[in-house]
């Protein structure tokens, strides 16, 4: 297989697929205080938001998302739940699929036994 890339170069075989499906493990976690300070700096308006984000090493959209999260938190009074790590999330999804399959099996068994009691 040949897969074109955005750079105009061609890549062959599984190497190209591995690059498409690789997980990102380089996520940074920021403390609540860091986020609050970043949002406060952006709200002061002394510098453009893009400059503040660049200085802090984050994206402008991340700064916007943090601001929206804090505004929602102020309105509802509840903090946003912490994110679940990737491996734990995969385990929860597998368990969810298994439980759905069990429910379907139990529904079919209930229908089978309900027909037999008539």
N, C-alpha and C. Protein backbone atom coordinates (compact mmCIF):
# COMPACT_ATOMS: atom_id res chain seq x y z
N UNK A 1 0.83 -1.19 0.00
CA UNK A 1 0.00 0.00 0.00
C UNK A 1 0.87 1.25 0.00
N UNK A 2 0.41 2.25 -0.65
CA UNK A 2 1.12 3.52 -0.66
C UNK A 2 0.16 4.58 -0.13
N UNK A 3 0.62 5.33 0.87
CA UNK A 3 -0.19 6.37 1.48
C UNK A 3 0.46 7.72 1.26
N UNK A 4 -0.24 8.66 0.65
CA UNK A 4 0.33 9.99 0.50
C UNK A 4 0.30 10.72 1.85
N UNK A 5 1.26 11.57 2.06
CA UNK A 5 1.29 12.38 3.27
C UNK A 5 1.15 13.85 2.89
N UNK A 6 0.99 14.68 3.87
CA UNK A 6 0.79 16.09 3.59
C UNK A 6 2.04 16.75 3.02
N UNK A 7 3.20 16.17 3.28
CA UNK A 7 4.43 16.75 2.77
C UNK A 7 4.71 16.38 1.32
N UNK A 8 3.84 15.56 0.72
CA UNK A 8 4.05 15.17 -0.65
C UNK A 8 4.90 13.92 -0.78
N UNK A 9 5.43 13.40 0.33
CA UNK A 9 6.25 12.20 0.29
C UNK A 9 5.36 10.97 0.38
N UNK A 10 5.83 9.88 -0.15
CA UNK A 10 5.07 8.64 -0.10
C UNK A 10 5.66 7.72 0.97
N UNK A 11 4.78 7.07 1.70
CA UNK A 11 5.21 6.10 2.68
C UNK A 11 4.57 4.77 2.31
N UNK A 12 5.24 3.69 2.61
CA UNK A 12 4.71 2.39 2.22
C UNK A 12 4.43 1.54 3.43
N UNK A 13 3.44 0.67 3.30
CA UNK A 13 3.19 -0.41 4.23
C UNK A 13 2.73 -0.01 5.61
N UNK A 14 3.11 -0.83 6.57
CA UNK A 14 2.61 -0.72 7.93
C UNK A 14 3.16 0.51 8.63
N UNK A 15 4.32 0.96 8.22
CA UNK A 15 4.90 2.15 8.84
C UNK A 15 3.93 3.32 8.78
N UNK A 16 3.28 3.51 7.65
CA UNK A 16 2.32 4.60 7.51
C UNK A 16 1.13 4.40 8.43
N UNK A 17 0.65 3.16 8.55
CA UNK A 17 -0.49 2.89 9.41
C UNK A 17 -0.13 3.11 10.88
N UNK A 18 1.07 2.73 11.28
CA UNK A 18 1.48 2.94 12.67
C UNK A 18 1.49 4.41 13.03
N UNK A 19 1.89 5.25 12.11
CA UNK A 19 1.91 6.68 12.38
C UNK A 19 0.50 7.23 12.52
N UNK A 20 -0.45 6.67 11.79
CA UNK A 20 -1.83 7.15 11.85
C UNK A 20 -2.47 6.76 13.16
N UNK A 21 -2.22 5.54 13.64
CA UNK A 21 -2.91 5.02 14.80
C UNK A 21 -2.12 5.11 16.11
N UNK A 22 -0.99 5.78 16.11
CA UNK A 22 -0.21 5.89 17.35
C UNK A 22 -0.93 6.78 18.36
N UNK A 23 -0.83 6.40 19.62
CA UNK A 23 -1.44 7.21 20.67
C UNK A 23 -0.45 8.27 21.11
N UNK A 24 -0.99 9.40 21.49
CA UNK A 24 -0.15 10.45 22.04
C UNK A 24 0.01 10.21 23.53
N UNK A 25 1.23 10.15 23.98
CA UNK A 25 1.48 9.94 25.40
C UNK A 25 2.24 11.11 25.99
N UNK A 26 2.32 12.20 25.25
CA UNK A 26 3.08 13.34 25.71
C UNK A 26 2.18 14.48 26.20
N UNK A 27 1.00 14.12 26.71
CA UNK A 27 0.10 15.13 27.24
C UNK A 27 0.68 15.72 28.51
N UNK A 28 0.56 17.01 28.64
CA UNK A 28 1.01 17.68 29.86
C UNK A 28 -0.19 17.90 30.75
N UNK A 29 0.00 17.76 32.02
CA UNK A 29 -1.05 18.02 33.00
C UNK A 29 -0.67 19.32 33.71
N UNK A 30 -1.61 20.23 33.76
CA UNK A 30 -1.37 21.51 34.41
C UNK A 30 -2.18 21.58 35.70
N UNK A 31 -1.61 22.21 36.69
CA UNK A 31 -2.31 22.34 37.96
C UNK A 31 -3.45 23.35 37.84
N UNK A 32 -4.37 23.26 38.75
CA UNK A 32 -5.51 24.18 38.77
C UNK A 32 -5.02 25.62 38.94
N UNK A 33 -4.00 25.81 39.76
CA UNK A 33 -3.47 27.15 40.00
C UNK A 33 -2.87 27.74 38.72
N UNK A 34 -2.15 26.89 37.96
CA UNK A 34 -1.58 27.34 36.69
C UNK A 34 -2.67 27.78 35.74
N UNK A 35 -3.73 26.98 35.65
CA UNK A 35 -4.84 27.30 34.76
C UNK A 35 -5.52 28.60 35.17
N UNK A 36 -5.77 28.74 36.48
CA UNK A 36 -6.41 29.96 36.97
C UNK A 36 -5.56 31.19 36.66
N UNK A 37 -4.25 31.08 36.87
CA UNK A 37 -3.37 32.21 36.61
C UNK A 37 -3.33 32.54 35.12
N UNK A 38 -3.33 31.52 34.28
CA UNK A 38 -3.33 31.75 32.83
C UNK A 38 -4.61 32.47 32.40
N UNK A 39 -5.74 32.03 32.92
CA UNK A 39 -7.02 32.66 32.58
C UNK A 39 -7.07 34.08 33.11
N UNK A 40 -6.52 34.29 34.31
CA UNK A 40 -6.49 35.64 34.89
C UNK A 40 -5.65 36.58 34.02
N UNK A 41 -4.47 36.10 33.59
CA UNK A 41 -3.61 36.93 32.73
C UNK A 41 -4.32 37.27 31.42
N UNK A 42 -5.04 36.31 30.86
CA UNK A 42 -5.74 36.56 29.60
C UNK A 42 -6.88 37.55 29.79
N UNK A 43 -7.53 37.50 30.96
CA UNK A 43 -8.67 38.39 31.18
C UNK A 43 -8.24 39.83 31.46
N UNK A 44 -6.99 40.03 31.88
CA UNK A 44 -6.51 41.39 32.14
C UNK A 44 -6.44 42.21 30.86
N UNK A 45 -6.12 41.55 29.76
CA UNK A 45 -6.09 42.24 28.48
C UNK A 45 -4.85 43.07 28.24
N UNK A 46 -3.81 42.92 29.05
CA UNK A 46 -2.58 43.69 28.86
C UNK A 46 -1.81 43.22 27.63
N UNK A 47 -1.88 41.92 27.34
CA UNK A 47 -1.22 41.34 26.17
C UNK A 47 -2.27 40.58 25.38
N UNK A 48 -2.02 40.36 24.11
CA UNK A 48 -2.93 39.52 23.33
C UNK A 48 -2.92 38.08 23.87
N UNK A 49 -4.05 37.43 23.76
CA UNK A 49 -4.16 36.06 24.26
C UNK A 49 -3.17 35.13 23.59
N UNK A 50 -2.92 35.34 22.31
CA UNK A 50 -1.96 34.50 21.59
C UNK A 50 -0.56 34.65 22.19
N UNK A 51 -0.19 35.84 22.58
CA UNK A 51 1.12 36.08 23.19
C UNK A 51 1.21 35.41 24.56
N UNK A 52 0.15 35.52 25.34
CA UNK A 52 0.12 34.89 26.66
C UNK A 52 0.24 33.38 26.52
N UNK A 53 -0.53 32.81 25.60
CA UNK A 53 -0.49 31.36 25.38
C UNK A 53 0.90 30.93 24.94
N UNK A 54 1.51 31.67 24.05
CA UNK A 54 2.85 31.35 23.57
C UNK A 54 3.86 31.41 24.72
N UNK A 55 3.76 32.43 25.55
CA UNK A 55 4.67 32.58 26.69
C UNK A 55 4.52 31.42 27.68
N UNK A 56 3.31 30.93 27.85
CA UNK A 56 3.05 29.84 28.79
C UNK A 56 3.28 28.46 28.18
N UNK A 57 3.45 28.41 26.86
CA UNK A 57 3.69 27.13 26.20
C UNK A 57 2.44 26.32 25.99
N UNK A 58 1.32 27.00 25.82
CA UNK A 58 0.05 26.31 25.57
C UNK A 58 -0.58 26.88 24.30
N UNK A 59 -1.67 26.26 23.86
CA UNK A 59 -2.38 26.75 22.69
C UNK A 59 -3.45 27.76 23.12
N UNK A 60 -3.82 28.64 22.25
CA UNK A 60 -4.85 29.64 22.55
C UNK A 60 -6.17 28.95 22.83
N UNK A 61 -6.48 27.90 22.07
CA UNK A 61 -7.74 27.18 22.29
C UNK A 61 -7.78 26.53 23.66
N UNK A 62 -6.61 26.10 24.17
CA UNK A 62 -6.57 25.52 25.50
C UNK A 62 -6.90 26.59 26.54
N UNK A 63 -6.38 27.76 26.34
CA UNK A 63 -6.67 28.88 27.23
C UNK A 63 -8.16 29.20 27.22
N UNK A 64 -8.76 29.18 26.05
CA UNK A 64 -10.19 29.43 25.91
C UNK A 64 -11.00 28.35 26.61
N UNK A 65 -10.59 27.08 26.44
CA UNK A 65 -11.31 25.97 27.07
C UNK A 65 -11.24 26.08 28.59
N UNK A 66 -10.09 26.43 29.12
CA UNK A 66 -9.97 26.59 30.57
C UNK A 66 -10.90 27.70 31.07
N UNK A 67 -10.96 28.81 30.31
CA UNK A 67 -11.84 29.91 30.70
C UNK A 67 -13.30 29.45 30.73
N UNK A 68 -13.71 28.73 29.68
CA UNK A 68 -15.09 28.23 29.63
C UNK A 68 -15.37 27.24 30.76
N UNK A 69 -14.39 26.39 31.07
CA UNK A 69 -14.56 25.44 32.17
C UNK A 69 -14.75 26.16 33.50
N UNK A 70 -13.96 27.20 33.74
CA UNK A 70 -14.07 27.95 34.99
C UNK A 70 -15.39 28.72 35.06
N UNK A 71 -15.84 29.25 33.91
CA UNK A 71 -17.13 29.94 33.90
C UNK A 71 -18.27 28.96 34.20
N UNK A 72 -18.21 27.78 33.61
CA UNK A 72 -19.22 26.76 33.89
C UNK A 72 -19.18 26.35 35.36
N UNK A 73 -17.99 26.22 35.89
CA UNK A 73 -17.83 25.88 37.30
C UNK A 73 -18.44 26.95 38.20
N UNK A 74 -18.26 28.21 37.83
CA UNK A 74 -18.85 29.30 38.62
C UNK A 74 -20.37 29.24 38.58
N UNK A 75 -20.93 28.94 37.40
CA UNK A 75 -22.39 28.89 37.27
C UNK A 75 -22.99 27.71 38.02
N UNK A 76 -22.36 26.54 37.90
CA UNK A 76 -22.95 25.34 38.49
C UNK A 76 -22.45 25.06 39.89
N UNK A 77 -21.29 25.59 40.24
CA UNK A 77 -20.74 25.37 41.57
C UNK A 77 -20.02 24.04 41.70
N UNK A 78 -19.88 23.31 40.62
CA UNK A 78 -19.19 22.01 40.67
C UNK A 78 -17.93 22.06 39.81
N UNK A 79 -16.89 21.40 40.30
CA UNK A 79 -15.66 21.33 39.53
C UNK A 79 -15.79 20.27 38.45
N UNK A 80 -15.03 20.46 37.38
CA UNK A 80 -15.04 19.46 36.32
C UNK A 80 -14.34 18.20 36.83
N UNK A 81 -14.83 17.03 36.47
CA UNK A 81 -14.21 15.80 36.97
C UNK A 81 -12.82 15.62 36.38
N UNK A 82 -11.92 14.99 37.12
CA UNK A 82 -10.58 14.75 36.57
C UNK A 82 -10.66 13.75 35.43
N UNK A 83 -9.76 13.90 34.48
CA UNK A 83 -9.79 13.00 33.34
C UNK A 83 -9.29 11.62 33.75
N UNK A 84 -9.79 10.61 33.06
CA UNK A 84 -9.43 9.22 33.35
C UNK A 84 -8.27 8.84 32.45
N UNK A 85 -7.21 8.23 33.01
CA UNK A 85 -6.07 7.82 32.17
C UNK A 85 -6.49 6.85 31.07
N UNK A 86 -5.73 6.81 29.99
CA UNK A 86 -6.08 6.03 28.81
C UNK A 86 -6.29 4.55 29.07
N UNK A 87 -5.40 3.91 29.83
CA UNK A 87 -5.52 2.47 30.06
C UNK A 87 -6.77 2.16 30.86
N UNK A 88 -7.06 2.97 31.85
CA UNK A 88 -8.27 2.77 32.65
C UNK A 88 -9.52 2.96 31.79
N UNK A 89 -9.49 3.96 30.90
CA UNK A 89 -10.62 4.22 30.02
C UNK A 89 -10.86 3.02 29.09
N UNK A 90 -9.78 2.45 28.55
CA UNK A 90 -9.93 1.28 27.68
C UNK A 90 -10.54 0.12 28.45
N UNK A 91 -10.11 -0.07 29.69
CA UNK A 91 -10.67 -1.13 30.51
C UNK A 91 -12.15 -0.92 30.77
N UNK A 92 -12.54 0.32 31.03
CA UNK A 92 -13.95 0.63 31.27
C UNK A 92 -14.78 0.40 30.01
N UNK A 93 -14.23 0.74 28.87
CA UNK A 93 -14.96 0.52 27.61
C UNK A 93 -15.14 -0.98 27.34
N UNK A 94 -14.08 -1.77 27.60
CA UNK A 94 -14.20 -3.22 27.43
C UNK A 94 -15.27 -3.79 28.35
N UNK A 95 -15.27 -3.34 29.59
CA UNK A 95 -16.27 -3.82 30.54
C UNK A 95 -17.68 -3.42 30.11
N UNK A 96 -17.80 -2.21 29.56
CA UNK A 96 -19.09 -1.73 29.08
C UNK A 96 -19.62 -2.62 27.96
N UNK A 97 -18.75 -3.00 27.02
CA UNK A 97 -19.15 -3.88 25.93
C UNK A 97 -19.57 -5.25 26.48
N UNK A 98 -18.79 -5.77 27.43
CA UNK A 98 -19.12 -7.08 28.02
C UNK A 98 -20.47 -7.04 28.71
N UNK A 99 -20.74 -5.97 29.44
CA UNK A 99 -22.02 -5.85 30.14
C UNK A 99 -23.18 -5.71 29.17
N UNK A 100 -22.99 -4.99 28.08
CA UNK A 100 -24.05 -4.89 27.07
C UNK A 100 -24.36 -6.25 26.46
N UNK A 101 -23.31 -7.02 26.20
CA UNK A 101 -23.52 -8.37 25.67
C UNK A 101 -24.29 -9.23 26.66
N UNK A 102 -23.94 -9.14 27.94
CA UNK A 102 -24.65 -9.91 28.95
C UNK A 102 -26.12 -9.51 29.04
N UNK A 103 -26.39 -8.22 28.93
CA UNK A 103 -27.78 -7.74 28.98
C UNK A 103 -28.57 -8.31 27.80
N UNK A 104 -27.97 -8.29 26.61
CA UNK A 104 -28.64 -8.84 25.43
C UNK A 104 -28.94 -10.32 25.62
N UNK A 105 -27.97 -11.05 26.16
CA UNK A 105 -28.18 -12.47 26.40
C UNK A 105 -29.31 -12.71 27.40
N UNK A 106 -29.34 -11.92 28.46
CA UNK A 106 -30.40 -12.06 29.46
C UNK A 106 -31.77 -11.70 28.89
N UNK A 107 -31.83 -10.72 28.01
CA UNK A 107 -33.11 -10.37 27.36
C UNK A 107 -33.61 -11.53 26.51
N UNK A 108 -32.69 -12.14 25.75
CA UNK A 108 -33.08 -13.27 24.90
C UNK A 108 -33.55 -14.44 25.75
N UNK A 109 -32.84 -14.69 26.86
CA UNK A 109 -33.24 -15.80 27.74
C UNK A 109 -34.61 -15.54 28.36
N UNK A 110 -34.86 -14.28 28.75
CA UNK A 110 -36.16 -13.94 29.34
C UNK A 110 -37.27 -14.12 28.31
N UNK A 111 -37.01 -13.74 27.06
CA UNK A 111 -38.02 -13.91 26.01
C UNK A 111 -38.27 -15.40 25.75
N UNK A 112 -37.22 -16.21 25.77
CA UNK A 112 -37.35 -17.64 25.54
C UNK A 112 -38.20 -18.29 26.62
N UNK A 113 -37.90 -17.98 27.90
CA UNK A 113 -38.65 -18.57 28.99
C UNK A 113 -40.06 -18.02 29.09
N UNK A 114 -40.27 -16.78 28.67
CA UNK A 114 -41.63 -16.21 28.68
C UNK A 114 -42.50 -16.91 27.65
N UNK A 115 -41.97 -17.30 26.50
CA UNK A 115 -42.71 -18.01 25.48
C UNK A 115 -43.08 -19.42 25.96
N UNK A 116 -42.19 -20.05 26.73
CA UNK A 116 -42.43 -21.40 27.18
C UNK A 116 -43.48 -21.49 28.27
N UNK A 117 -43.78 -20.40 28.97
CA UNK A 117 -44.74 -20.44 30.08
C UNK A 117 -46.17 -20.25 29.61
N UNK A 118 -46.41 -19.98 28.36
CA UNK A 118 -47.78 -19.75 27.85
C UNK A 118 -48.54 -21.01 27.70
